Protein backbone atom coordinates (compact mmCIF):
# COMPACT_ATOMS: atom_id res chain seq x y z
CA MET A 1 -74.01 -73.09 50.67
CA ASN A 2 -71.44 -75.56 52.30
CA GLY A 3 -68.62 -72.90 52.31
CA VAL A 4 -71.05 -70.57 54.36
CA ARG A 5 -71.67 -73.09 57.10
CA VAL A 6 -67.82 -73.96 57.32
CA ALA A 7 -67.16 -70.17 57.68
CA GLU A 8 -69.87 -69.81 60.35
CA LYS A 9 -68.38 -72.78 62.35
CA VAL A 10 -64.94 -71.25 61.93
CA GLY A 11 -66.20 -68.01 63.31
CA LYS A 12 -67.76 -69.60 66.22
CA VAL A 13 -64.68 -71.54 67.00
CA ARG A 14 -62.62 -68.38 66.85
CA ALA A 15 -65.05 -66.67 69.14
CA CYS A 16 -64.96 -69.40 71.58
CA TRP A 17 -61.11 -69.44 71.64
CA ARG A 18 -61.03 -65.69 72.28
CA SER A 19 -63.30 -66.03 75.23
CA LEU A 20 -61.23 -68.81 76.56
CA ARG A 21 -57.99 -66.78 76.18
CA ARG A 22 -59.58 -63.85 78.08
CA ARG A 23 -60.22 -65.74 81.28
CA ASP A 24 -58.41 -64.51 84.31
CA ALA A 25 -55.64 -66.97 85.01
CA GLY A 26 -53.99 -64.72 87.69
CA MET A 27 -54.42 -64.45 91.51
CA VAL A 28 -57.04 -62.29 93.11
CA THR A 29 -56.30 -59.80 95.82
CA SER A 30 -56.88 -62.19 98.74
CA GLU A 31 -54.50 -64.64 97.13
CA TYR A 32 -51.92 -62.00 96.75
CA ALA A 33 -52.36 -61.03 100.32
CA MET A 34 -51.91 -64.78 101.49
CA GLY A 35 -48.94 -65.07 99.31
CA ILE A 36 -47.34 -62.04 100.83
CA VAL A 37 -48.09 -63.18 104.38
CA ALA A 38 -46.52 -66.66 103.56
CA ALA A 39 -43.47 -65.00 102.10
CA VAL A 40 -42.92 -62.66 105.03
CA GLY A 41 -43.36 -65.65 107.52
CA PHE A 42 -40.73 -67.61 105.55
CA ALA A 43 -38.43 -64.51 105.54
CA LEU A 44 -38.83 -64.27 109.30
CA LEU A 45 -38.17 -67.93 109.88
CA LEU A 46 -35.00 -67.84 107.70
CA TYR A 47 -33.76 -64.69 109.43
CA GLU A 48 -34.24 -66.34 112.78
CA VAL A 49 -32.31 -69.46 111.71
CA VAL A 50 -29.44 -67.36 110.16
CA THR A 51 -29.09 -65.11 113.12
CA SER A 52 -29.20 -67.91 115.64
CA GLY A 53 -25.95 -68.33 117.59
CA GLN A 54 -24.83 -71.65 116.17
CA VAL A 55 -25.55 -70.66 112.69
CA ARG A 56 -23.78 -67.29 113.01
CA ALA A 57 -20.75 -68.96 114.45
CA GLU A 58 -20.53 -71.41 111.60
CA LEU A 59 -20.99 -68.68 108.95
CA GLN A 60 -18.23 -66.57 110.72
CA ALA A 61 -15.87 -69.65 110.62
CA ILE A 62 -16.53 -70.16 106.97
CA VAL A 63 -15.73 -66.63 106.19
CA LYS A 64 -12.54 -66.61 108.39
CA ARG A 65 -11.36 -69.76 106.67
CA ALA A 66 -12.03 -68.31 103.21
CA LEU A 67 -10.15 -65.00 104.17
CA SER A 68 -7.17 -66.90 105.71
CA ALA A 69 -6.68 -69.27 102.82
CA ARG A 70 -3.35 -69.05 100.95
CA MET A 71 -3.22 -68.21 97.43
């Protein structure tokens, strides 16, 4: 009898474990949309910073120094 009770408990624990593993841990569609909007906003901000006059001049200076370096 005792072995049957243990088997039943083990079966219940396994069923509980399976139900826990099946839970959706990902994002829903609205969260994906908000993530995309945030990523696009960050990309636009980064683009604006990189294409600003001062940053562009600094990047060009770095490239010129790299290309004119003696080997």
